[in-house]
Protein backbone atom coordinates (compact mmCIF):
# COMPACT_ATOMS: atom_id res chain seq x y z
CA MET A 1 215.41 -171.79 192.23
CA SER A 2 218.20 -172.25 194.65
CA ARG A 3 219.40 -175.55 195.87
CA GLY A 4 217.82 -176.91 199.03
CA LYS A 5 214.46 -175.14 198.75
CA LYS A 6 211.31 -177.16 198.28
CA LEU A 7 208.78 -176.17 195.73
CA ASP A 8 205.25 -176.30 197.10
CA LEU A 9 202.52 -176.48 194.48
CA PHE A 10 198.84 -176.87 195.16
CA ILE A 11 196.69 -177.45 192.13
CA GLY A 12 193.23 -178.95 192.06
CA ALA A 13 190.16 -179.28 194.16
CA GLU A 14 189.32 -181.28 197.20
CA ILE A 15 186.53 -183.82 197.50
CA GLU A 16 184.96 -181.75 200.26
CA ASP A 17 184.37 -178.92 197.76
CA GLY A 18 181.48 -180.81 196.19
CA TRP A 19 183.44 -183.10 193.89
CA ALA A 20 182.42 -186.74 193.76
CA LYS A 21 184.02 -189.84 192.36
CA ILE A 22 181.98 -191.33 189.51
CA GLU A 23 182.03 -195.10 189.31
CA THR A 24 180.82 -196.74 186.15
CA PRO A 25 179.53 -200.30 186.32
CA ARG A 26 181.49 -203.03 184.58
CA LYS A 27 180.23 -203.87 181.13
CA SER A 28 181.15 -207.54 181.39
CA VAL A 29 180.01 -209.76 184.19
CA VAL A 30 182.59 -212.04 185.77
CA ALA A 31 181.08 -215.46 186.30
CA ASP A 32 182.08 -217.17 189.53
CA GLU A 33 180.21 -220.35 188.70
CA ILE A 34 182.04 -223.65 188.34
CA LEU A 35 181.84 -225.26 184.91
CA GLU A 36 182.74 -228.73 183.74
CA PRO A 37 185.66 -228.96 181.28
CA SER A 38 183.47 -229.52 178.21
CA LYS A 39 181.64 -226.20 178.84
CA HIS A 40 184.84 -224.12 178.88
CA PHE A 41 185.80 -222.05 175.86
CA LEU A 42 189.47 -221.28 176.44
CA VAL A 43 191.60 -218.75 174.59
CA PHE A 44 195.34 -218.30 174.22
CA LYS A 45 197.30 -215.10 174.73
CA LYS A 46 200.98 -214.54 174.13
CA GLU A 47 202.94 -211.88 176.01
CA LYS A 48 206.55 -210.79 176.19
CA ARG A 49 207.92 -210.29 179.67
CA ARG A 50 211.51 -209.15 180.09
CA GLY A 51 212.30 -210.44 176.62
CA LYS A 52 210.83 -213.90 177.24
CA THR A 53 207.63 -215.34 175.82
CA VAL A 54 204.80 -216.27 178.18
CA THR A 55 201.77 -218.27 177.03
CA LEU A 56 198.49 -217.57 178.84
CA VAL A 57 195.48 -219.87 178.59
CA GLY A 58 192.12 -219.32 180.24
CA GLU A 59 189.83 -218.36 181.69
CA PHE A 60 189.21 -221.42 183.85
CA HIS A 61 186.05 -221.77 185.94
CA ILE A 62 187.01 -224.74 188.10
CA PRO A 63 187.70 -225.01 191.85
CA GLN A 64 191.04 -223.66 193.05
CA ASN A 65 192.46 -227.03 194.14
CA ASP A 66 191.47 -228.66 190.82
CA SER A 67 193.09 -225.88 188.81
CA GLU A 68 196.30 -226.12 190.87
CA GLU A 69 196.38 -229.88 190.31
CA LEU A 70 195.80 -229.44 186.56
CA LEU A 71 198.55 -226.80 186.42
CA LYS A 72 200.95 -229.13 188.20
CA THR A 73 200.34 -232.00 185.77
CA LEU A 74 200.61 -229.71 182.73
CA LYS A 75 203.89 -228.24 183.93
CA LYS A 76 205.26 -231.72 184.50
CA LYS A 77 204.22 -232.93 181.02
CA LEU A 78 205.53 -229.79 179.30
CA GLY A 79 208.74 -229.51 181.32
CA CYS A 80 208.33 -225.79 181.97
CA GLY A 81 207.44 -223.39 184.74
CA GLY A 82 204.12 -221.71 185.23
CA THR A 83 201.64 -220.16 187.60
CA LEU A 84 197.93 -219.56 188.11
CA LYS A 85 196.68 -215.96 188.32
CA GLU A 86 193.02 -214.88 188.40
CA GLY A 87 191.74 -217.92 186.53
CA TRP A 88 194.47 -217.77 183.85
CA MET A 89 197.33 -220.24 183.63
CA GLU A 90 200.67 -218.76 182.62
CA PHE A 91 203.40 -220.94 181.13
CA GLN A 92 207.00 -220.02 180.36
CA GLY A 93 207.67 -220.31 176.66
CA GLU A 94 205.62 -220.53 173.48
CA LEU A 95 203.61 -223.72 174.05
CA LYS A 96 200.28 -223.11 172.32
CA ASP A 97 200.24 -226.30 170.20
CA LYS A 98 201.38 -228.60 173.00
CA LEU A 99 198.94 -227.03 175.48
CA ARG A 100 196.03 -227.38 173.07
CA ALA A 101 196.70 -231.12 172.68
CA LEU A 102 197.02 -231.71 176.43
CA LEU A 103 193.94 -229.69 177.35
CA THR A 104 191.75 -231.35 174.71
CA GLU A 105 192.76 -234.70 176.25
CA GLU A 106 191.42 -233.37 179.56
CA GLY A 107 188.11 -232.46 177.87
CA PHE A 108 188.50 -228.67 177.52
CA ARG A 109 187.35 -226.83 174.40
CA PHE A 110 188.69 -223.72 172.69
CA LYS A 111 187.09 -220.76 170.96
CA SER A 112 187.28 -220.98 167.20
CA GLY A 113 190.41 -219.37 165.83
CA HIS A 114 192.43 -219.91 169.03
C-alpha cells in the first residue's frame, strides 16, 4: 500500500436488507418511587479511578434536592469531595466506616455484609 491512498473496506449488511435490532427487556426493574430513610438498604462499592480510591454508597430513592442537601452535609462532616450520580453518592477516599456511622444517624439502613 502506498502512502497517501485510502483503504476502503465494506463489510457487513445494512438494516434495510432485512436485519433488525433485537432489544431484550431489562431483568431488573428500576424503582422511581421515593422511600423514607428507614426503608433504604444501602450498599458500599469501592473503585479505583486514576490511582485514587472512590467510595460509592447507594442507591438512594429520595428527592433530588434532599439528596443534594444530604450530600452537602456529609461532605462537610467528612472533609472530602464528592458528587451525586444516578442515585449513587461518590466520595473521594476510603470512607466506608465513617459514612456508615453518619448515615445510620440519619436513619438509613444497610444490607447485611456491607
